[in-house]
Amino acid sequence: MNLEQLKKQFEELYGKSSGKASVYFSPGRVNLIGEHTDYNGGYVFPCALSYGTYLFIRKTNDNAVKFASSNFSFTADVHVKDISQKQNGHWINYPMGVMNEFLKLGTRLTGMELLFSGNVPNGAGLSSSASIEIVTATAINELYKTGLNGIELARLGQRAENMFVGVNCGIMDQFASVMGKKDSAIFLNCDTLEYELVPVVMDGYKLVISNTNKRRGLADSKYNERRGECEKAVEYISSRKRIKNLGELTYDEFIVLKDAISEENVLKRARHVITEIQRTKDAVRELKSGNLKRFGELMNGSHDSLRDDYEVTGIELDTLVEEARKIDGVIGSRMTGAGFGGCTVSLVLDSAIEQFANKVGRNYQARTGLKADFYIADIGDGARKLGNF
């Protein structure tokens, strides 16, 4: 990202007279394994990416909060007292939701000039929304000296997305965007928020992200429906054993109690969550022991469960995974994110990456009519200030 160009754009929008802007960055994330377990109180294993959202921000002496983005044409000037009023269908709901949470905490916001610029593909399942929320939260936390720690910022970002944007997401995306560390993934218990940073040693392999370029609007996808089905599973199980979320069950307990669930679809959703939590724990253990082949096999099992039991993949994601698994040098491939489009993540031998992109891309386009994009997933640090410009 060219910060000098963004500085120039900021000054063209808002002028130079008010002083320097502060610049912040917050990454997107890719989840290596542990999908749709976060809002079920289970384990996830995400890592922060080297790309994300940049924010140029400057406080002003009036009460107008001015929003602009290099990614979207829509701009807005919102009075501080109107921050709590949602803007239908516009990207500014993400930073406004964060600001609204700070207002609830008693933070006295003033006027601000903001320019966002992201290099995470929007709607690709790499959590561009959380990176917008967390870069806003990180900036306001520092500029207004609110003193929140990283976990508190992650929770604040989640509340903004749940209550303001209207997506009933778990904590994983915001947590990874705040707490990420270069060359490590986060083994996170989403119920207790206990976490461990685990070094990702690839030993001749790379993580390759493949974007279906099938846009999926998370808020109007079946994401909330799946969450409701999991809550229904908890109700069924609780007739036999009182639980607050599926993550409280071991696999053996689920096998004993699963016949309490009388709806086939609800049973399938619960089975995915329980087996995915176990796969995630197993995958972290295998990574620590250096067994990448077994880690890849568990990635494959994750995708198959998301396809068959959770039913959140679709032809585009399934095609990318099927084509990836045909390439010599690929030891694991799965969808990542909420599904219904978005991205896959694959473990690919360094020397096979060029062939992977060419052959998978060609076959994917022939089968779906869509052109995939491919990225090497460099694991980066979490949200931070970059300086004053």
Protein backbone atom coordinates (compact mmCIF):
# COMPACT_ATOMS: atom_id res chain seq x y z
CA MET A 1 0.00 0.00 0.00
CA ASN A 2 1.41 3.41 -1.00
CA LEU A 3 0.91 5.60 2.07
CA GLU A 4 2.15 8.70 0.28
CA GLN A 5 -0.60 8.33 -2.30
CA LEU A 6 -3.17 7.86 0.46
CA LYS A 7 -1.81 10.95 2.21
CA LYS A 8 -2.26 12.92 -1.01
CA GLN A 9 -5.83 11.64 -1.39
CA PHE A 10 -6.55 12.53 2.25
CA GLU A 11 -5.28 16.08 1.74
CA GLU A 12 -7.29 16.45 -1.48
CA LEU A 13 -10.40 15.45 0.45
CA TYR A 14 -9.86 17.41 3.63
CA GLY A 15 -7.02 19.90 3.08
CA LYS A 16 -3.72 20.36 4.91
CA SER A 17 -4.62 23.14 7.32
CA SER A 18 -5.71 21.03 10.30
CA GLY A 19 -2.36 19.33 10.86
CA LYS A 20 -1.07 15.81 10.36
CA ALA A 21 -3.22 12.71 10.19
CA SER A 22 -2.51 9.58 12.21
CA VAL A 23 -2.29 6.32 10.24
CA TYR A 24 -3.40 2.93 11.52
CA PHE A 25 -3.52 -0.57 10.07
CA SER A 26 -5.55 -3.65 10.94
CA PRO A 27 -5.20 -6.98 9.09
CA GLY A 28 -7.67 -9.35 7.58
CA ARG A 29 -7.41 -12.98 8.60
CA VAL A 30 -7.50 -16.47 7.21
CA ASN A 31 -8.76 -19.33 9.35
CA LEU A 32 -6.62 -22.42 8.90
CA ILE A 33 -9.17 -24.76 10.49
CA GLY A 34 -12.11 -24.48 12.90
CA GLU A 35 -15.00 -23.11 10.83
CA HIS A 36 -18.39 -22.13 12.26
CA THR A 37 -17.17 -23.17 15.70
CA ASP A 38 -16.51 -19.69 17.11
CA TYR A 39 -20.12 -18.75 17.85
CA ASN A 40 -20.59 -22.25 19.26
CA GLY A 41 -17.97 -21.72 21.97
CA GLY A 42 -15.42 -23.95 20.26
CA TYR A 43 -11.83 -23.71 19.06
CA VAL A 44 -10.56 -21.84 16.00
CA PHE A 45 -7.09 -21.47 14.48
CA PRO A 46 -6.82 -18.20 12.50
CA CYS A 47 -3.84 -16.09 11.57
CA ALA A 48 -3.61 -12.40 10.69
CA LEU A 49 -2.63 -11.57 7.12
CA SER A 50 -0.12 -9.05 5.84
CA TYR A 51 -2.92 -7.17 4.07
CA GLY A 52 -5.88 -5.45 5.60
CA THR A 53 -7.33 -1.96 6.11
CA TYR A 54 -5.43 1.32 6.44
CA LEU A 55 -6.97 4.37 8.10
CA PHE A 56 -5.87 8.00 7.86
CA ILE A 57 -7.66 9.87 10.64
CA ARG A 58 -7.56 13.43 11.99
CA LYS A 59 -9.58 15.01 14.78
CA THR A 60 -11.31 18.33 14.08
CA ASN A 61 -12.88 21.06 16.16
CA ASP A 62 -16.41 20.69 14.80
CA ASN A 63 -18.99 17.91 15.24
CA ALA A 64 -18.89 16.41 11.74
CA VAL A 65 -17.50 12.90 11.28
CA LYS A 66 -16.46 12.63 7.62
CA PHE A 67 -16.15 9.19 6.01
CA ALA A 68 -14.40 8.36 2.73
CA SER A 69 -12.78 5.28 1.25
CA SER A 70 -10.48 4.60 -1.68
CA ASN A 71 -12.45 1.37 -2.25
CA PHE A 72 -15.99 2.76 -2.42
CA SER A 73 -17.49 5.85 -4.03
CA PHE A 74 -19.96 6.47 -1.18
CA THR A 75 -18.92 9.22 1.25
CA ALA A 76 -20.78 10.78 4.17
CA ASP A 77 -20.69 13.57 6.73
CA VAL A 78 -22.42 12.50 9.93
CA HIS A 79 -22.97 14.70 12.98
CA VAL A 80 -21.57 13.16 16.16
CA LYS A 81 -25.07 13.07 17.68
CA ASP A 82 -26.28 11.02 14.67
CA ILE A 83 -23.58 8.33 14.87
CA SER A 84 -26.11 5.90 16.36
CA GLN A 85 -28.32 6.14 13.25
CA LYS A 86 -27.60 3.23 10.90
CA GLN A 87 -27.05 4.02 7.20
CA ASN A 88 -28.90 1.44 5.12
CA GLY A 89 -26.63 -0.76 3.06
CA HIS A 90 -23.48 1.38 3.23
CA TRP A 91 -19.94 0.42 4.26
CA ILE A 92 -19.80 3.22 6.84
CA ASN A 93 -22.00 1.14 9.16
CA TYR A 94 -18.87 -0.78 10.20
CA PRO A 95 -16.90 2.21 11.54
CA MET A 96 -20.10 3.91 12.75
CA GLY A 97 -21.02 0.80 14.73
CA VAL A 98 -17.62 0.94 16.43
CA MET A 99 -18.01 4.64 17.22
CA ASN A 100 -21.46 3.96 18.62
CA GLU A 101 -19.96 1.39 21.01
CA PHE A 102 -17.43 3.97 22.23
CA LEU A 103 -20.27 6.45 22.79
CA LYS A 104 -22.04 3.82 24.91
CA LEU A 105 -18.88 3.59 27.03
CA GLY A 106 -19.03 7.35 27.63
CA THR A 107 -16.29 8.39 25.19
CA ARG A 108 -16.86 12.01 24.12
CA LEU A 109 -16.22 11.88 20.39
CA THR A 110 -15.55 15.04 18.38
CA GLY A 111 -15.45 15.70 14.69
CA MET A 112 -13.09 13.54 12.64
CA GLU A 113 -11.86 13.18 9.08
CA LEU A 114 -11.38 9.58 8.00
CA LEU A 115 -10.04 7.92 4.87
CA PHE A 116 -10.10 4.11 4.72
CA SER A 117 -8.23 2.02 2.19
CA GLY A 118 -8.22 -1.77 2.13
CA ASN A 119 -6.39 -4.41 0.12
CA VAL A 120 -8.43 -7.34 1.46
CA PRO A 121 -10.86 -8.47 -1.26
CA ASN A 122 -14.33 -7.44 -0.08
CA GLY A 123 -16.80 -10.27 0.37
CA ALA A 124 -14.05 -12.89 0.01
CA GLY A 125 -14.32 -14.36 3.50
CA LEU A 126 -11.00 -12.91 4.68
CA SER A 127 -12.70 -10.60 7.14
CA SER A 128 -12.47 -7.20 5.53
CA SER A 129 -15.37 -6.13 7.79
CA ALA A 130 -13.53 -6.99 11.01
CA SER A 131 -10.39 -5.22 9.77
CA ILE A 132 -12.44 -2.05 9.20
CA GLU A 133 -13.96 -2.35 12.67
CA ILE A 134 -10.66 -3.00 14.40
CA VAL A 135 -8.68 -0.30 12.61
CA THR A 136 -11.40 2.18 13.67
CA ALA A 137 -11.42 0.88 17.24
CA THR A 138 -7.62 0.96 17.50
CA ALA A 139 -7.49 4.56 16.27
CA ILE A 140 -10.26 5.85 18.53
CA ASN A 141 -8.86 3.97 21.51
CA GLU A 142 -5.57 5.81 21.13
CA LEU A 143 -6.78 9.21 19.94
CA TYR A 144 -9.36 9.49 22.73
CA LYS A 145 -7.22 7.70 25.33
CA THR A 146 -9.94 5.22 26.31
CA GLY A 147 -7.45 2.64 27.59
CA LEU A 148 -9.09 -0.53 26.26
CA ASN A 149 -6.88 -3.61 25.90
CA GLY A 150 -6.74 -5.84 22.84
CA ILE A 151 -9.38 -8.33 23.97
CA GLU A 152 -11.72 -5.49 24.92
CA LEU A 153 -11.26 -3.97 21.46
CA ALA A 154 -12.07 -7.34 19.86
CA ARG A 155 -15.25 -7.63 21.92
CA LEU A 156 -16.21 -4.05 21.03
CA GLY A 157 -15.77 -4.78 17.32
CA GLN A 158 -17.88 -7.93 17.62
CA ARG A 159 -20.66 -5.99 19.38
CA ALA A 160 -20.62 -3.42 16.58
CA GLU A 161 -21.08 -6.11 13.94
CA ASN A 162 -23.73 -8.00 15.95
CA MET A 163 -25.86 -5.08 17.08
CA PHE A 164 -25.26 -2.31 14.54
CA VAL A 165 -24.48 -4.09 11.27
CA GLY A 166 -26.78 -7.00 12.11
CA VAL A 167 -24.46 -9.96 11.50
CA ASN A 168 -24.51 -12.43 14.39
CA CYS A 169 -20.79 -13.24 14.09
CA GLY A 170 -18.53 -14.80 16.69
CA ILE A 171 -15.38 -13.27 18.14
CA MET A 172 -12.76 -14.93 15.92
CA ASP A 173 -12.37 -12.33 13.17
CA GLN A 174 -11.97 -9.34 15.44
CA PHE A 175 -9.73 -11.27 17.85
CA ALA A 176 -7.36 -12.33 15.07
CA SER A 177 -7.24 -8.79 13.67
CA VAL A 178 -6.21 -7.38 17.07
CA MET A 179 -4.05 -10.16 18.49
CA GLY A 180 -2.31 -11.59 15.42
CA LYS A 181 1.45 -12.12 15.45
CA LYS A 182 3.81 -12.51 12.50
CA ASP A 183 4.42 -16.14 11.50
CA SER A 184 2.05 -17.50 14.17
CA ALA A 185 -1.57 -18.64 14.26
CA ILE A 186 -3.91 -18.21 17.21
CA PHE A 187 -5.32 -21.30 18.91
CA LEU A 188 -8.35 -19.67 20.48
CA ASN A 189 -11.04 -21.01 22.79
CA CYS A 190 -13.95 -18.80 21.75
CA ASP A 191 -15.86 -19.51 24.96
CA THR A 192 -13.18 -18.48 27.47
CA LEU A 193 -10.96 -16.41 25.09
CA GLU A 194 -7.95 -18.31 26.35
CA TYR A 195 -5.46 -18.44 23.50
CA GLU A 196 -2.04 -19.66 22.48
CA LEU A 197 0.19 -18.30 19.72
CA VAL A 198 1.46 -21.28 17.74
CA PRO A 199 4.39 -20.82 15.31
CA VAL A 200 3.43 -21.79 11.76
CA VAL A 201 6.45 -23.63 10.37
CA MET A 202 5.65 -24.65 6.80
CA ASP A 203 8.87 -26.56 5.96
CA GLY A 204 8.81 -26.00 2.21
CA TYR A 205 5.09 -25.38 1.90
CA LYS A 206 3.07 -22.19 1.58
CA LEU A 207 -0.48 -21.24 2.44
CA VAL A 208 -2.21 -20.25 -0.81
CA ILE A 209 -5.54 -18.43 -0.73
CA SER A 210 -7.80 -18.94 -3.75
CA ASN A 211 -10.63 -16.46 -4.21
CA THR A 212 -13.72 -17.80 -5.99
CA ASN A 213 -14.74 -14.23 -6.90
CA LYS A 214 -18.27 -15.32 -6.11
CA ARG A 215 -19.45 -12.45 -3.96
CA ARG A 216 -21.31 -13.40 -0.84
CA GLY A 217 -23.03 -10.83 1.32
CA LEU A 218 -22.53 -12.21 4.82
CA ALA A 219 -25.44 -10.36 6.43
CA ASP A 220 -27.97 -11.72 3.93
CA SER A 221 -26.46 -15.19 3.51
CA LYS A 222 -27.55 -18.22 5.49
CA TYR A 223 -25.00 -17.43 8.20
CA ASN A 224 -27.61 -16.33 10.74
CA GLU A 225 -29.77 -19.32 9.79
CA ARG A 226 -26.94 -21.73 10.61
CA ARG A 227 -26.40 -20.04 13.93
CA GLY A 228 -30.09 -20.46 14.72
CA GLU A 229 -29.90 -24.17 13.85
CA CYS A 230 -27.00 -24.58 16.27
CA GLU A 231 -29.00 -22.85 19.00
CA LYS A 232 -31.83 -25.28 18.30
CA ALA A 233 -29.39 -28.18 18.71
CA VAL A 234 -28.43 -26.79 22.12
CA GLU A 235 -32.11 -26.77 23.09
CA TYR A 236 -32.53 -30.42 22.08
CA ILE A 237 -29.37 -31.55 23.88
CA SER A 238 -30.32 -29.55 26.98
CA SER A 239 -33.35 -31.79 27.48
CA ARG A 240 -30.80 -34.45 28.49
CA LYS A 241 -27.75 -32.44 29.58
CA ARG A 242 -27.87 -28.73 30.29
CA ILE A 243 -25.41 -26.83 28.04
CA LYS A 244 -25.16 -23.24 26.89
CA ASN A 245 -23.38 -24.00 23.61
CA LEU A 246 -22.26 -26.98 21.55
CA GLY A 247 -18.61 -26.34 22.38
CA GLU A 248 -19.20 -27.69 25.89
CA LEU A 249 -19.69 -31.22 24.54
CA THR A 250 -16.91 -33.70 23.90
CA TYR A 251 -17.21 -35.92 20.84
CA ASP A 252 -18.01 -38.94 23.06
CA GLU A 253 -20.76 -37.02 24.89
CA PHE A 254 -22.27 -35.98 21.57
CA ILE A 255 -22.42 -39.59 20.36
CA VAL A 256 -24.39 -40.51 23.48
CA LEU A 257 -26.72 -37.49 23.35
CA LYS A 258 -27.23 -36.92 19.62
CA ASP A 259 -30.46 -38.93 19.46
CA ALA A 260 -32.08 -36.13 21.49
CA ILE A 261 -32.00 -34.07 18.25
CA SER A 262 -35.09 -35.03 16.24
CA GLU A 263 -34.49 -32.80 13.17
CA GLU A 264 -32.05 -34.23 10.62
CA ASN A 265 -30.70 -30.87 9.48
CA VAL A 266 -30.13 -29.71 13.05
CA LEU A 267 -28.32 -32.99 13.82
CA LYS A 268 -26.04 -32.48 10.81
CA ARG A 269 -25.17 -28.93 11.87
CA ALA A 270 -24.32 -30.11 15.40
CA ARG A 271 -22.25 -33.02 14.07
CA HIS A 272 -20.15 -30.64 12.01
CA VAL A 273 -19.49 -28.36 14.99
CA ILE A 274 -18.50 -31.20 17.33
CA THR A 275 -16.23 -32.94 14.82
CA GLU A 276 -14.71 -29.63 13.67
CA ILE A 277 -13.74 -28.72 17.22
CA GLN A 278 -11.98 -32.07 17.55
CA ARG A 279 -10.29 -31.64 14.15
CA THR A 280 -9.01 -28.22 15.22
CA LYS A 281 -7.47 -29.55 18.43
CA ASP A 282 -5.92 -32.42 16.51
CA ALA A 283 -4.59 -30.09 13.79
CA VAL A 284 -2.81 -27.83 16.28
CA ARG A 285 -1.21 -30.84 17.91
CA GLU A 286 -0.01 -32.12 14.53
CA LEU A 287 1.38 -28.72 13.53
CA LYS A 288 3.32 -28.49 16.77
CA SER A 289 4.79 -31.93 16.12
CA GLY A 290 5.75 -30.99 12.55
CA ASN A 291 3.32 -33.42 10.89
CA LEU A 292 2.12 -31.19 8.04
CA LYS A 293 0.74 -34.13 6.07
CA ARG A 294 -1.70 -34.97 8.85
CA PHE A 295 -2.53 -31.27 9.28
CA GLY A 296 -3.47 -31.20 5.58
CA GLU A 297 -5.64 -34.29 5.93
CA LEU A 298 -7.55 -32.60 8.75
CA MET A 299 -8.03 -29.52 6.53
CA ASN A 300 -9.57 -31.82 3.93
CA GLY A 301 -11.86 -33.35 6.53
CA SER A 302 -12.95 -29.88 7.60
CA HIS A 303 -14.04 -28.93 4.09
CA ASP A 304 -15.87 -32.20 3.55
CA SER A 305 -17.83 -31.68 6.77
CA LEU A 306 -18.65 -28.09 5.82
CA ARG A 307 -19.89 -29.37 2.47
CA ASP A 308 -21.89 -32.38 3.66
CA ASP A 309 -23.06 -31.57 7.20
CA TYR A 310 -23.02 -27.77 7.42
CA GLU A 311 -23.88 -27.20 3.76
CA VAL A 312 -22.14 -23.83 3.39
CA THR A 313 -19.81 -24.47 0.45
CA GLY A 314 -21.48 -24.40 -2.97
CA ILE A 315 -20.25 -25.25 -6.45
CA GLU A 316 -17.55 -22.57 -6.59
CA LEU A 317 -15.79 -23.48 -3.35
CA ASP A 318 -16.18 -27.19 -3.97
CA THR A 319 -14.72 -26.84 -7.46
CA LEU A 320 -11.66 -24.96 -6.21
CA VAL A 321 -11.06 -27.59 -3.54
CA GLU A 322 -11.56 -30.51 -5.95
CA GLU A 323 -9.15 -29.02 -8.48
CA ALA A 324 -6.58 -28.15 -5.79
CA ARG A 325 -6.54 -31.71 -4.46
CA LYS A 326 -5.64 -33.01 -7.95
CA ILE A 327 -2.32 -31.12 -7.92
CA ASP A 328 0.81 -32.99 -6.82
CA GLY A 329 2.28 -31.05 -3.92
CA VAL A 330 -1.08 -30.07 -2.37
CA ILE A 331 -1.54 -31.79 1.00
CA GLY A 332 -4.70 -30.01 2.16
CA SER A 333 -7.39 -27.67 0.83
CA ARG A 334 -10.55 -26.31 2.39
CA MET A 335 -12.96 -23.40 2.30
CA THR A 336 -12.26 -20.67 4.83
CA GLY A 337 -14.66 -18.11 6.25
CA ALA A 338 -18.43 -18.22 6.39
CA GLY A 339 -18.85 -19.93 3.01
CA PHE A 340 -21.41 -19.35 0.25
CA GLY A 341 -18.55 -18.05 -1.89
CA GLY A 342 -15.35 -16.43 -0.72
CA CYS A 343 -12.03 -18.24 -0.49
CA THR A 344 -10.24 -21.53 0.01
CA VAL A 345 -6.91 -22.03 1.74
CA SER A 346 -4.51 -24.74 0.57
CA LEU A 347 -1.17 -26.14 1.74
CA VAL A 348 0.98 -26.14 -1.40
CA LEU A 349 4.59 -27.19 -1.96
CA ASP A 350 6.69 -24.17 -2.95
CA SER A 351 7.73 -25.71 -6.26
CA ALA A 352 4.09 -26.50 -7.16
CA ILE A 353 2.60 -23.04 -6.61
CA GLU A 354 2.93 -21.84 -10.21
CA GLN A 355 1.38 -25.04 -11.55
CA PHE A 356 -1.31 -24.80 -8.86
CA ALA A 357 -2.38 -21.30 -9.89
CA ASN A 358 -2.29 -22.09 -13.62
CA LYS A 359 -4.05 -25.44 -13.60
CA VAL A 360 -6.56 -24.79 -10.82
CA GLY A 361 -7.36 -21.39 -12.30
CA ARG A 362 -7.87 -22.78 -15.79
CA ASN A 363 -10.05 -25.72 -14.69
CA TYR A 364 -12.06 -23.59 -12.28
CA GLN A 365 -12.89 -21.08 -15.01
CA ALA A 366 -13.83 -23.86 -17.42
CA ARG A 367 -16.22 -25.40 -14.87
CA THR A 368 -17.77 -22.25 -13.36
CA GLY A 369 -17.20 -19.41 -15.82
CA LEU A 370 -15.50 -17.40 -13.05
CA LYS A 371 -11.88 -16.32 -12.84
CA ALA A 372 -10.15 -17.15 -9.55
CA ASP A 373 -7.45 -15.02 -7.92
CA PHE A 374 -4.57 -16.51 -5.96
CA TYR A 375 -2.55 -15.05 -3.06
CA ILE A 376 0.34 -16.29 -0.96
CA ALA A 377 -0.82 -15.95 2.64
CA ASP A 378 1.95 -14.12 4.46
CA ILE A 379 1.17 -14.15 8.19
CA GLY A 380 1.49 -10.69 9.73
CA ASP A 381 1.02 -8.77 12.98
CA GLY A 382 -2.21 -7.46 14.44
CA ALA A 383 -3.64 -3.91 14.53
CA ARG A 384 -1.20 -1.08 15.13
CA LYS A 385 -0.36 2.57 14.54
CA LEU A 386 1.97 3.20 11.60
CA GLY A 387 2.78 6.83 12.38
CA ASN A 388 1.75 10.42 11.64
CA PHE A 389 1.72 11.80 8.11
